[in-house]
Amino acid sequence: MTVLERVLAAGASYHDLLVQFALFFALAGAVYVLGRLVVVPPLVRVVRARNSDNPTLVDAVELYARVAFAAVALVLATAGAGFGRAFQGSALVVAAATLALGVAGQDVIGNLVSGVFLVADPDFSVGDYIQWADNEGTVERIDFRVTRVRTAAGETVTVPNSQLTTNALTAPYAGDTYRVSETFGVPYDADVGMVLRIAREAALEDDRICDDPAPSVHVDGFGSSALTVVARYWIAEPAETPIPDVRSAYLRRTSERFAEHDLTINPPSQTALSGRLAVEEGRDGDGERAP
């Protein structure tokens, strides 16, 4: 028997299996392409129209829809090609495999479910600045398993989704205004009224600081060597305003105004010492006077 005859004979013996595989790939490709090109685009347009201010939800719907159609395509192709009969009578094997996958992938499944909750949360979106535990940064992307956060140092941190759903999250810049508190000390003999007025006027000179609510400055307590003064002001549109720049500018203006009036910020602690100092002559072991 020639090599060609052997190949033809082998092909004939596997004819039915080859047909099944061809049918499987054809059905899977057709279902996925149909969903990807016909169903997903209109669905994304509808979600975008109804949630124009939530790009996170739009991106997630598109991604999840693609994955869902891929899963549906595999299931339908498996059933349509007749491969489903291969799993009949093997319920014990399927149950064991399901248990093994469930135990091994419980963290992955937990992160996946947490990702869905994060996407559905209207108060959590890409571009938000968040604080959790001892970390903080700007949300860049929400994936199936992790959320990518860029820190103030420019580093990208991949945070498991479950950490963000089980820990308290703070969005300091989510509102229309953001309150800043500055604390400093002034000498006890300073004109307190003038100190409060200068600190308040320094805040009003910056257009990025709100007039309503108005800045407030008050004496907060007595320090060891100075009065403790707290200045509070609110910054408009904190998500778009560089907070560190506003704080730096305010502190610089306040320091310059105080210097013009000979006021010292955070004066050093001063302690009065009294007593006498005495010098005794040293002597060696023989009782002689040491040089």
C-alpha atoms as a PDB file:
ATOM      1  CA  MET A   1       0.000   0.000   0.000  1.00  0.00           C
ATOM      2  CA  THR A   2       1.438   3.330  -1.039  1.00  0.00           C
ATOM      3  CA  VAL A   3       1.791   6.343   1.232  1.00  0.00           C
ATOM      4  CA  LEU A   4      -1.042   8.145  -0.565  1.00  0.00           C
ATOM      5  CA  GLU A   5      -3.337   5.182  -0.078  1.00  0.00           C
ATOM      6  CA  ARG A   6      -2.475   5.087   3.615  1.00  0.00           C
ATOM      7  CA  VAL A   7      -3.242   8.804   3.965  1.00  0.00           C
ATOM      8  CA  LEU A   8      -6.574   8.394   2.189  1.00  0.00           C
ATOM      9  CA  ALA A   9      -7.429   5.401   4.354  1.00  0.00           C
ATOM     10  CA  ALA A  10      -6.604   7.339   7.537  1.00  0.00           C
ATOM     11  CA  GLY A  11      -8.666  10.281   6.291  1.00  0.00           C
ATOM     12  CA  ALA A  12     -11.610   8.012   5.598  1.00  0.00           C
ATOM     13  CA  SER A  13     -11.411   6.495   9.074  1.00  0.00           C
ATOM     14  CA  TYR A  14     -11.398   9.983  10.665  1.00  0.00           C
ATOM     15  CA  HIS A  15     -13.869  11.465   8.209  1.00  0.00           C
ATOM     16  CA  ASP A  16     -16.673  11.904  10.712  1.00  0.00           C
ATOM     17  CA  LEU A  17     -14.367  13.501  13.314  1.00  0.00           C
ATOM     18  CA  LEU A  18     -12.920  15.907  10.778  1.00  0.00           C
ATOM     19  CA  VAL A  19     -16.414  16.907   9.703  1.00  0.00           C
ATOM     20  CA  GLN A  20     -17.341  17.532  13.335  1.00  0.00           C
ATOM     21  CA  PHE A  21     -14.305  19.766  13.873  1.00  0.00           C
ATOM     22  CA  ALA A  22     -15.021  21.693  10.692  1.00  0.00           C
ATOM     23  CA  LEU A  23     -18.638  22.168  11.748  1.00  0.00           C
ATOM     24  CA  PHE A  24     -17.505  23.229  15.237  1.00  0.00           C
ATOM     25  CA  PHE A  25     -15.160  25.949  13.981  1.00  0.00           C
ATOM     26  CA  ALA A  26     -17.671  27.138  11.374  1.00  0.00           C
ATOM     27  CA  LEU A  27     -20.494  27.475  13.924  1.00  0.00           C
ATOM     28  CA  ALA A  28     -18.254  29.091  16.550  1.00  0.00           C
ATOM     29  CA  GLY A  29     -16.888  31.626  14.065  1.00  0.00           C
ATOM     30  CA  ALA A  30     -20.309  32.440  12.634  1.00  0.00           C
ATOM     31  CA  VAL A  31     -21.938  32.997  16.050  1.00  0.00           C
ATOM     32  CA  TYR A  32     -19.054  35.107  17.347  1.00  0.00           C
ATOM     33  CA  VAL A  33     -18.812  37.254  14.212  1.00  0.00           C
ATOM     34  CA  LEU A  34     -22.583  37.731  14.195  1.00  0.00           C
ATOM     35  CA  GLY A  35     -22.584  38.909  17.797  1.00  0.00           C
ATOM     36  CA  ARG A  36     -19.398  40.962  17.453  1.00  0.00           C
ATOM     37  CA  LEU A  37     -20.464  42.856  14.341  1.00  0.00           C
ATOM     38  CA  VAL A  38     -24.258  42.881  14.532  1.00  0.00           C
ATOM     39  CA  VAL A  39     -25.297  42.836  18.200  1.00  0.00           C
ATOM     40  CA  VAL A  40     -22.431  44.436  20.165  1.00  0.00           C
ATOM     41  CA  PRO A  41     -22.160  47.794  18.294  1.00  0.00           C
ATOM     42  CA  PRO A  42     -25.866  48.734  18.697  1.00  0.00           C
ATOM     43  CA  LEU A  43     -25.760  47.607  22.326  1.00  0.00           C
ATOM     44  CA  VAL A  44     -22.718  49.810  23.012  1.00  0.00           C
ATOM     45  CA  ARG A  45     -24.363  52.791  21.292  1.00  0.00           C
ATOM     46  CA  VAL A  46     -27.482  52.430  23.443  1.00  0.00           C
ATOM     47  CA  VAL A  47     -25.447  52.179  26.655  1.00  0.00           C
ATOM     48  CA  ARG A  48     -23.294  55.172  25.636  1.00  0.00           C
ATOM     49  CA  ALA A  49     -26.379  57.275  24.853  1.00  0.00           C
ATOM     50  CA  ARG A  50     -27.910  56.539  28.245  1.00  0.00           C
ATOM     51  CA  ASN A  51     -24.655  56.803  30.199  1.00  0.00           C
ATOM     52  CA  SER A  52     -22.690  59.515  28.423  1.00  0.00           C
ATOM     53  CA  ASP A  53     -21.012  60.543  31.691  1.00  0.00           C
ATOM     54  CA  ASN A  54     -19.897  57.022  32.593  1.00  0.00           C
ATOM     55  CA  PRO A  55     -17.283  55.760  30.079  1.00  0.00           C
ATOM     56  CA  THR A  56     -16.354  52.962  32.482  1.00  0.00           C
ATOM     57  CA  LEU A  57     -19.748  51.321  32.069  1.00  0.00           C
ATOM     58  CA  VAL A  58     -19.618  51.685  28.288  1.00  0.00           C
ATOM     59  CA  ASP A  59     -16.194  50.049  28.011  1.00  0.00           C
ATOM     60  CA  ALA A  60     -17.194  47.271  30.392  1.00  0.00           C
ATOM     61  CA  VAL A  61     -20.398  46.480  28.502  1.00  0.00           C
ATOM     62  CA  GLU A  62     -18.458  46.186  25.237  1.00  0.00           C
ATOM     63  CA  LEU A  63     -15.828  43.920  26.805  1.00  0.00           C
ATOM     64  CA  TYR A  64     -18.298  41.716  28.656  1.00  0.00           C
ATOM     65  CA  ALA A  65     -20.519  41.419  25.582  1.00  0.00           C
ATOM     66  CA  ARG A  66     -17.603  40.142  23.490  1.00  0.00           C
ATOM     67  CA  VAL A  67     -16.691  37.572  26.126  1.00  0.00           C
ATOM     68  CA  ALA A  68     -20.329  36.505  26.463  1.00  0.00           C
ATOM     69  CA  PHE A  69     -20.679  35.946  22.711  1.00  0.00           C
ATOM     70  CA  ALA A  70     -17.426  33.973  22.702  1.00  0.00           C
ATOM     71  CA  ALA A  71     -18.806  31.713  25.432  1.00  0.00           C
ATOM     72  CA  VAL A  72     -22.155  31.343  23.640  1.00  0.00           C
ATOM     73  CA  ALA A  73     -20.352  30.552  20.390  1.00  0.00           C
ATOM     74  CA  LEU A  74     -18.367  27.751  22.057  1.00  0.00           C
ATOM     75  CA  VAL A  75     -21.463  26.239  23.676  1.00  0.00           C
ATOM     76  CA  LEU A  76     -23.557  26.352  20.501  1.00  0.00           C
ATOM     77  CA  ALA A  77     -20.700  25.048  18.371  1.00  0.00           C
ATOM     78  CA  THR A  78     -20.084  22.178  20.803  1.00  0.00           C
ATOM     79  CA  ALA A  79     -23.746  21.198  20.732  1.00  0.00           C
ATOM     80  CA  GLY A  80     -24.166  21.727  16.985  1.00  0.00           C
ATOM     81  CA  ALA A  81     -21.067  19.669  16.086  1.00  0.00           C
ATOM     82  CA  GLY A  82     -22.209  16.775  18.251  1.00  0.00           C
ATOM     83  CA  PHE A  83     -19.372  16.972  20.760  1.00  0.00           C
ATOM     84  CA  GLY A  84     -21.879  17.248  23.578  1.00  0.00           C
ATOM     85  CA  ARG A  85     -22.499  13.507  23.382  1.00  0.00           C
ATOM     86  CA  ALA A  86     -18.887  12.929  24.441  1.00  0.00           C
ATOM     87  CA  PHE A  87     -19.724  14.307  27.882  1.00  0.00           C
ATOM     88  CA  GLN A  88     -22.814  12.142  28.363  1.00  0.00           C
ATOM     89  CA  GLY A  89     -22.380   9.521  31.027  1.00  0.00           C
ATOM     90  CA  SER A  90     -19.370  11.343  32.527  1.00  0.00           C
ATOM     91  CA  ALA A  91     -21.177  13.350  35.190  1.00  0.00           C
ATOM     92  CA  LEU A  92     -18.665  12.310  37.851  1.00  0.00           C
ATOM     93  CA  VAL A  93     -15.737  13.555  35.770  1.00  0.00           C
ATOM     94  CA  VAL A  94     -17.494  16.829  35.026  1.00  0.00           C
ATOM     95  CA  ALA A  95     -18.376  17.309  38.698  1.00  0.00           C
ATOM     96  CA  ALA A  96     -14.792  16.639  39.767  1.00  0.00           C
ATOM     97  CA  ALA A  97     -13.426  19.041  37.159  1.00  0.00           C
ATOM     98  CA  THR A  98     -15.935  21.694  38.208  1.00  0.00           C
ATOM     99  CA  LEU A  99     -14.957  21.290  41.876  1.00  0.00           C
ATOM    100  CA  ALA A 100     -11.260  21.508  41.063  1.00  0.00           C
ATOM    101  CA  LEU A 101     -11.731  24.626  38.954  1.00  0.00           C
ATOM    102  CA  GLY A 102     -13.921  26.204  41.631  1.00  0.00           C
ATOM    103  CA  VAL A 103     -11.366  25.672  44.390  1.00  0.00           C
ATOM    104  CA  ALA A 104      -8.405  26.732  42.265  1.00  0.00           C
ATOM    105  CA  GLY A 105     -10.135  29.755  40.781  1.00  0.00           C
ATOM    106  CA  GLN A 106     -12.096  31.116  43.719  1.00  0.00           C
ATOM    107  CA  ASP A 107      -9.870  34.201  43.927  1.00  0.00           C
ATOM    108  CA  VAL A 108     -10.245  34.804  40.196  1.00  0.00           C
ATOM    109  CA  ILE A 109     -14.013  34.372  40.399  1.00  0.00           C
ATOM    110  CA  GLY A 110     -14.169  36.694  43.409  1.00  0.00           C
ATOM    111  CA  ASN A 111     -12.206  39.374  41.558  1.00  0.00           C
ATOM    112  CA  LEU A 112     -14.399  38.930  38.491  1.00  0.00           C
ATOM    113  CA  VAL A 113     -17.582  39.437  40.506  1.00  0.00           C
ATOM    114  CA  SER A 114     -16.002  42.406  42.286  1.00  0.00           C
ATOM    115  CA  GLY A 115     -15.111  43.912  38.900  1.00  0.00           C
ATOM    116  CA  VAL A 116     -18.753  43.728  37.849  1.00  0.00           C
ATOM    117  CA  PHE A 117     -19.809  45.570  41.014  1.00  0.00           C
ATOM    118  CA  LEU A 118     -17.145  48.239  40.484  1.00  0.00           C
ATOM    119  CA  VAL A 119     -18.295  48.815  36.914  1.00  0.00           C
ATOM    120  CA  ALA A 120     -21.923  49.047  37.998  1.00  0.00           C
ATOM    121  CA  ASP A 121     -21.123  51.514  40.791  1.00  0.00           C
ATOM    122  CA  PRO A 122     -22.052  55.021  39.534  1.00  0.00           C
ATOM    123  CA  ASP A 123     -19.649  56.601  42.047  1.00  0.00           C
ATOM    124  CA  PHE A 124     -16.634  54.673  40.749  1.00  0.00           C
ATOM    125  CA  SER A 125     -15.278  55.410  37.294  1.00  0.00           C
ATOM    126  CA  VAL A 126     -12.128  55.675  35.214  1.00  0.00           C
ATOM    127  CA  GLY A 127     -10.388  58.986  35.904  1.00  0.00           C
ATOM    128  CA  ASP A 128     -11.461  59.139  39.568  1.00  0.00           C
ATOM    129  CA  TYR A 129      -8.835  59.865  42.208  1.00  0.00           C
ATOM    130  CA  ILE A 130      -9.332  57.354  45.025  1.00  0.00           C
ATOM    131  CA  GLN A 131      -7.790  56.542  48.385  1.00  0.00           C
ATOM    132  CA  TRP A 132      -7.956  53.091  49.974  1.00  0.00           C
ATOM    133  CA  ALA A 133      -6.026  51.560  52.869  1.00  0.00           C
ATOM    134  CA  ASP A 134      -2.630  53.324  52.694  1.00  0.00           C
ATOM    135  CA  ASN A 135      -2.673  53.884  48.924  1.00  0.00           C
ATOM    136  CA  GLU A 136      -4.076  56.432  46.523  1.00  0.00           C
ATOM    137  CA  GLY A 137      -4.070  57.238  42.822  1.00  0.00           C
ATOM    138  CA  THR A 138      -6.103  57.759  39.655  1.00  0.00           C
ATOM    139  CA  VAL A 139      -8.147  54.900  38.191  1.00  0.00           C
ATOM    140  CA  GLU A 140      -6.961  54.179  34.643  1.00  0.00           C
ATOM    141  CA  ARG A 141      -8.696  50.926  33.713  1.00  0.00           C
ATOM    142  CA  ILE A 142     -11.005  48.305  35.226  1.00  0.00           C
ATOM    143  CA  ASP A 143     -10.273  44.791  33.932  1.00  0.00           C
ATOM    144  CA  PHE A 144     -11.855  41.449  34.748  1.00  0.00           C
ATOM    145  CA  ARG A 145      -9.454  40.639  37.576  1.00  0.00           C
ATOM    146  CA  VAL A 146      -7.657  43.864  38.520  1.00  0.00           C
ATOM    147  CA  THR A 147      -8.045  47.630  38.465  1.00  0.00           C
ATOM    148  CA  ARG A 148      -5.095  49.646  37.218  1.00  0.00           C
ATOM    149  CA  VAL A 149      -4.342  52.737  39.313  1.00  0.00           C
ATOM    150  CA  ARG A 150      -1.679  55.350  38.572  1.00  0.00           C
ATOM    151  CA  THR A 151      -0.106  56.831  41.686  1.00  0.00           C
ATOM    152  CA  ALA A 152       1.077  60.405  42.171  1.00  0.00           C
ATOM    153  CA  ALA A 153       4.641  59.160  41.550  1.00  0.00           C
ATOM    154  CA  GLY A 154       3.627  57.978  38.072  1.00  0.00           C
ATOM    155  CA  GLU A 155       3.671  54.268  38.958  1.00  0.00           C
ATOM    156  CA  THR A 156       0.965  51.908  37.711  1.00  0.00           C
ATOM    157  CA  VAL A 157      -0.416  49.644  40.439  1.00  0.00           C
ATOM    158  CA  THR A 158      -2.583  46.620  39.628  1.00  0.00           C
ATOM    159  CA  VAL A 159      -5.042  46.206  42.487  1.00  0.00           C
ATOM    160  CA  PRO A 160      -7.213  43.066  42.758  1.00  0.00           C
ATOM    161  CA  ASN A 161     -10.837  44.105  42.374  1.00  0.00           C
ATOM    162  CA  SER A 162     -11.800  42.361  45.606  1.00  0.00           C
ATOM    163  CA  GLN A 163      -9.552  44.726  47.589  1.00  0.00           C
ATOM    164  CA  LEU A 164     -11.468  47.732  46.307  1.00  0.00           C
ATOM    165  CA  THR A 165     -14.869  46.225  47.113  1.00  0.00           C
ATOM    166  CA  THR A 166     -13.940  45.021  50.607  1.00  0.00           C
ATOM    167  CA  ASN A 167     -12.072  48.171  51.725  1.00  0.00           C
ATOM    168  CA  ALA A 168     -13.473  51.617  52.343  1.00  0.00           C
ATOM    169  CA  LEU A 169     -12.833  53.886  49.356  1.00  0.00           C
ATOM    170  CA  THR A 170     -12.452  57.644  49.583  1.00  0.00           C
ATOM    171  CA  ALA A 171     -12.886  59.911  46.565  1.00  0.00           C
ATOM    172  CA  PRO A 172     -11.581  63.242  47.916  1.00  0.00           C
ATOM    173  CA  TYR A 173     -12.082  65.143  44.654  1.00  0.00           C
ATOM    174  CA  ALA A 174     -15.485  63.730  43.717  1.00  0.00           C
ATOM    175  CA  GLY A 175     -17.469  66.757  44.885  1.00  0.00           C
ATOM    176  CA  ASP A 176     -17.752  70.282  43.541  1.00  0.00           C
ATOM    177  CA  THR A 177     -15.359  71.624  46.197  1.00  0.00           C
ATOM    178  CA  TYR A 178     -12.460  70.314  48.268  1.00  0.00           C
ATOM    179  CA  ARG A 179     -11.560  71.660  51.710  1.00  0.00           C
ATOM    180  CA  VAL A 180      -7.940  72.339  52.642  1.00  0.00           C
ATOM    181  CA  SER A 181      -6.751  72.960  56.207  1.00  0.00           C
ATOM    182  CA  GLU A 182      -3.434  74.655  56.932  1.00  0.00           C
ATOM    183  CA  THR A 183      -2.058  74.753  60.485  1.00  0.00           C
ATOM    184  CA  PHE A 184       0.739  77.036  61.677  1.00  0.00           C
ATOM    185  CA  GLY A 185       1.921  78.813  64.797  1.00  0.00           C
ATOM    186  CA  VAL A 186       2.409  82.522  65.574  1.00  0.00           C
ATOM    187  CA  PRO A 187       4.145  84.156  68.555  1.00  0.00           C
ATOM    188  CA  TYR A 188       2.100  84.814  71.679  1.00  0.00           C
ATOM    189  CA  ASP A 189       2.863  88.521  71.531  1.00  0.00           C
ATOM    190  CA  ALA A 190       1.593  88.848  67.927  1.00  0.00           C
ATOM    191  CA  ASP A 191      -1.490  90.867  67.010  1.00  0.00           C
ATOM    192  CA  VAL A 192      -3.952  87.974  66.677  1.00  0.00           C
ATOM    193  CA  GLY A 193      -6.536  90.044  64.805  1.00  0.00           C
ATOM    194  CA  MET A 194      -3.968  91.058  62.213  1.00  0.00           C
ATOM    195  CA  VAL A 195      -2.757  87.443  61.885  1.00  0.00           C
ATOM    196  CA  LEU A 196      -6.253  86.191  61.170  1.00  0.00           C
ATOM    197  CA  ARG A 197      -6.926  88.981  58.685  1.00  0.00           C
ATOM    198  CA  ILE A 198      -3.679  88.405  56.753  1.00  0.00           C
ATOM    199  CA  ALA A 199      -4.220  84.650  56.531  1.00  0.00           C
ATOM    200  CA  ARG A 200      -7.783  85.137  55.284  1.00  0.00           C
ATOM    201  CA  GLU A 201      -6.870  87.790  52.710  1.00  0.00           C
ATOM    202  CA  ALA A 202      -4.116  85.537  51.349  1.00  0.00           C
ATOM    203  CA  ALA A 203      -6.779  82.957  50.546  1.00  0.00           C
ATOM    204  CA  LEU A 204      -9.142  85.455  48.906  1.00  0.00           C
ATOM    205  CA  GLU A 205      -6.437  86.582  46.468  1.00  0.00           C
ATOM    206  CA  ASP A 206      -6.541  83.264  44.586  1.00  0.00           C
ATOM    207  CA  ASP A 207      -9.397  82.868  42.085  1.00  0.00           C
ATOM    208  CA  ARG A 208      -9.183  79.090  42.430  1.00  0.00           C
ATOM    209  CA  ILE A 209     -10.272  79.366  46.063  1.00  0.00           C
ATOM    210  CA  CYS A 210     -14.036  79.651  46.575  1.00  0.00           C
ATOM    211  CA  ASP A 211     -15.770  82.736  47.923  1.00  0.00           C
ATOM    212  CA  ASP A 212     -18.691  80.544  48.985  1.00  0.00           C
ATOM    213  CA  PRO A 213     -18.033  78.892  51.324  1.00  0.00           C
ATOM    214  CA  ALA A 214     -15.694  81.657  52.364  1.00  0.00           C
ATOM    215  CA  PRO A 215     -12.236  80.985  53.809  1.00  0.00           C
ATOM    216  CA  SER A 216     -12.099  80.881  57.602  1.00  0.00           C
ATOM    217  CA  VAL A 217      -9.171  81.416  59.965  1.00  0.00           C
ATOM    218  CA  HIS A 218      -9.291  80.921  63.732  1.00  0.00           C
ATOM    219  CA  VAL A 219      -7.093  80.235  66.739  1.00  0.00           C
ATOM    220  CA  ASP A 220      -7.184  76.506  67.472  1.00  0.00           C
ATOM    221  CA  GLY A 221      -5.144  76.183  70.649  1.00  0.00           C
ATOM    222  CA  PHE A 222      -2.077  77.016  72.736  1.00  0.00           C
ATOM    223  CA  GLY A 223       1.235  75.491  71.766  1.00  0.00           C
ATOM    224  CA  SER A 224       4.423  75.272  73.800  1.00  0.00           C
ATOM    225  CA  SER A 225       5.809  78.454  72.281  1.00  0.00           C
ATOM    226  CA  ALA A 226       3.105  79.767  69.920  1.00  0.00           C
ATOM    227  CA  LEU A 227      -0.592  80.132  69.267  1.00  0.00           C
ATOM    228  CA  THR A 228      -1.918  77.459  66.889  1.00  0.00           C
ATOM    229  CA  VAL A 229      -3.837  78.968  63.966  1.00  0.00           C
ATOM    230  CA  VAL A 230      -5.904  76.955  61.473  1.00  0.00           C
ATOM    231  CA  ALA A 231      -6.845  78.350  58.064  1.00  0.00           C
ATOM    232  CA  ARG A 232      -9.512  76.543  56.046  1.00  0.00           C
ATOM    233  CA  TYR A 233     -10.500  77.229  52.456  1.00  0.00           C
ATOM    234  CA  TRP A 234     -12.326  75.426  49.684  1.00  0.00           C
ATOM    235  CA  ILE A 235     -11.054  74.789  46.150  1.00  0.00           C
ATOM    236  CA  ALA A 236     -13.498  74.747  43.231  1.00  0.00           C
ATOM    237  CA  GLU A 237     -13.485  71.898  40.672  1.00  0.00           C
ATOM    238  CA  PRO A 238     -10.892  69.839  42.561  1.00  0.00           C
ATOM    239  CA  ALA A 239     -10.804  67.109  39.900  1.00  0.00           C
ATOM    240  CA  GLU A 240      -9.419  69.621  37.388  1.00  0.00           C
ATOM    241  CA  THR A 241      -7.457  71.928  39.705  1.00  0.00           C
ATOM    242  CA  PRO A 242      -3.894  71.096  40.814  1.00  0.00           C
ATOM    243  CA  ILE A 243      -4.394  71.031  44.586  1.00  0.00           C
ATOM    244  CA  PRO A 244      -0.662  71.081  45.474  1.00  0.00           C
ATOM    245  CA  ASP A 245      -0.153  74.231  43.373  1.00  0.00           C
ATOM    246  CA  VAL A 246      -2.983  76.034  45.145  1.00  0.00           C
ATOM    247  CA  ARG A 247      -1.658  75.059  48.571  1.00  0.00           C
ATOM    248  CA  SER A 248       1.895  76.077  47.689  1.00  0.00           C
ATOM    249  CA  ALA A 249       0.757  79.458  46.381  1.00  0.00           C
ATOM    250  CA  TYR A 250      -1.329  80.119  49.503  1.00  0.00           C
ATOM    251  CA  LEU A 251       1.499  79.242  51.882  1.00  0.00           C
ATOM    252  CA  ARG A 252       3.933  81.405  49.922  1.00  0.00           C
ATOM    253  CA  ARG A 253       1.601  84.422  49.987  1.00  0.00           C
ATOM    254  CA  THR A 254       0.927  83.979  53.686  1.00  0.00           C
ATOM    255  CA  SER A 255       4.614  83.738  54.475  1.00  0.00           C
ATOM    256  CA  GLU A 256       5.376  86.896  52.473  1.00  0.00           C
ATOM    257  CA  ARG A 257       2.579  88.884  54.163  1.00  0.00           C
ATOM    258  CA  PHE A 258       3.739  87.788  57.621  1.00  0.00           C
ATOM    259  CA  ALA A 259       7.343  88.763  56.789  1.00  0.00           C
ATOM    260  CA  GLU A 260       6.136  92.245  55.786  1.00  0.00           C
ATOM    261  CA  HIS A 261       4.680  92.652  59.307  1.00  0.00           C
ATOM    262  CA  ASP A 262       7.676  91.077  61.083  1.00  0.00           C
ATOM    263  CA  LEU A 263       5.616  88.051  62.101  1.00  0.00           C
ATOM    264  CA  THR A 264       7.410  84.731  62.587  1.00  0.00           C
ATOM    265  CA  ILE A 265       5.625  81.544  61.554  1.00  0.00           C
ATOM    266  CA  ASN A 266       6.140  78.558  63.845  1.00  0.00           C
ATOM    267  CA  PRO A 267       8.653  80.319  66.155  1.00  0.00           C
ATOM    268  CA  PRO A 268      11.201  77.997  67.763  1.00  0.00           C
ATOM    269  CA  SER A 269      10.652  76.857  71.296  1.00  0.00           C
ATOM    270  CA  GLN A 270      12.526  78.924  73.878  1.00  0.00           C
ATOM    271  CA  THR A 271      13.361  77.642  77.368  1.00  0.00           C
ATOM    272  CA  ALA A 272      14.901  79.826  80.085  1.00  0.00           C
ATOM    273  CA  LEU A 273      17.773  78.257  82.004  1.00  0.00           C
ATOM    274  CA  SER A 274      19.150  79.483  85.348  1.00  0.00           C
ATOM    275  CA  GLY A 275      21.853  78.329  87.733  1.00  0.00           C
ATOM    276  CA  ARG A 276      25.623  78.421  88.230  1.00  0.00           C
ATOM    277  CA  LEU A 277      28.493  76.671  86.536  1.00  0.00           C
ATOM    278  CA  ALA A 278      31.495  75.581  88.567  1.00  0.00           C
ATOM    279  CA  VAL A 279      34.844  74.207  87.370  1.00  0.00           C
ATOM    280  CA  GLU A 280      36.769  71.884  89.674  1.00  0.00           C
ATOM    281  CA  GLU A 281      40.447  71.072  89.400  1.00  0.00           C
ATOM    282  CA  GLY A 282      41.169  67.557  88.279  1.00  0.00           C
ATOM    283  CA  ARG A 283      43.703  65.326  90.121  1.00  0.00           C
ATOM    284  CA  ASP A 284      45.439  62.113  89.115  1.00  0.00           C
ATOM    285  CA  GLY A 285      45.522  58.841  91.051  1.00  0.00           C
ATOM    286  CA  ASP A 286      48.357  60.010  93.362  1.00  0.00           C
ATOM    287  CA  GLY A 287      46.428  63.081  94.395  1.00  0.00           C
ATOM    288  CA  GLU A 288      48.540  65.386  92.335  1.00  0.00           C
ATOM    289  CA  ARG A 289      46.961  68.186  90.369  1.00  0.00           C
ATOM    290  CA  ALA A 290      46.361  67.156  86.775  1.00  0.00           C
ATOM    291  CA  PRO A 291      47.774  69.434  84.080  1.00  0.00           C
END
